[in-house]
Amino acid sequence: QVQLVESGGGLVQPGGSLRLSCQASGSIVTINTMGWYRQAPGKQREPVATMTRFLLSGGSTNYADTVKGRFTITKDTAKNTVDLQMNSLKPEDTAVYYCYADILSGGSTWNQNEFWGQGTQVTVSS
């Protein structure tokens, strides 16, 4: 079974920084895409930053326009982790942030599925 475990998040003042981390574990064959989504109250879940071909070379990194230049996504392929460094945070960044991964997993039989972390609250307020 595959699990995504998140850490980080919390309350920060406008202009401050936070770092989120997510680790995938389990019977992982390969990770296709991994990254972060967020959902603000009353809004749909939206992508924040994602990395394709996560365990391979030649992938792409994609950011939402609203976070470009402020957020940075990084990975550690040896640990199957993805981090999101969030700088210059704004009140509109307040949301529950979810780790996402598209993973091929299994033992004798392989299955490709989408997985989500439990979510971590990020609140930007003075």
Foldseek 3Di string as FASTA:
>chain_A
DKAKAKDKADEAAQQAKIKMKIFIDDQFPAWAKKAKWWDAPPGDIGGAWMWGSQLDPDIDIDGDPVQPPFKDWDDDNVRRMIMIIGGSDDQVVWTWMKIKIFTWGDDPDTDTDIDIHPTHTHGYHD
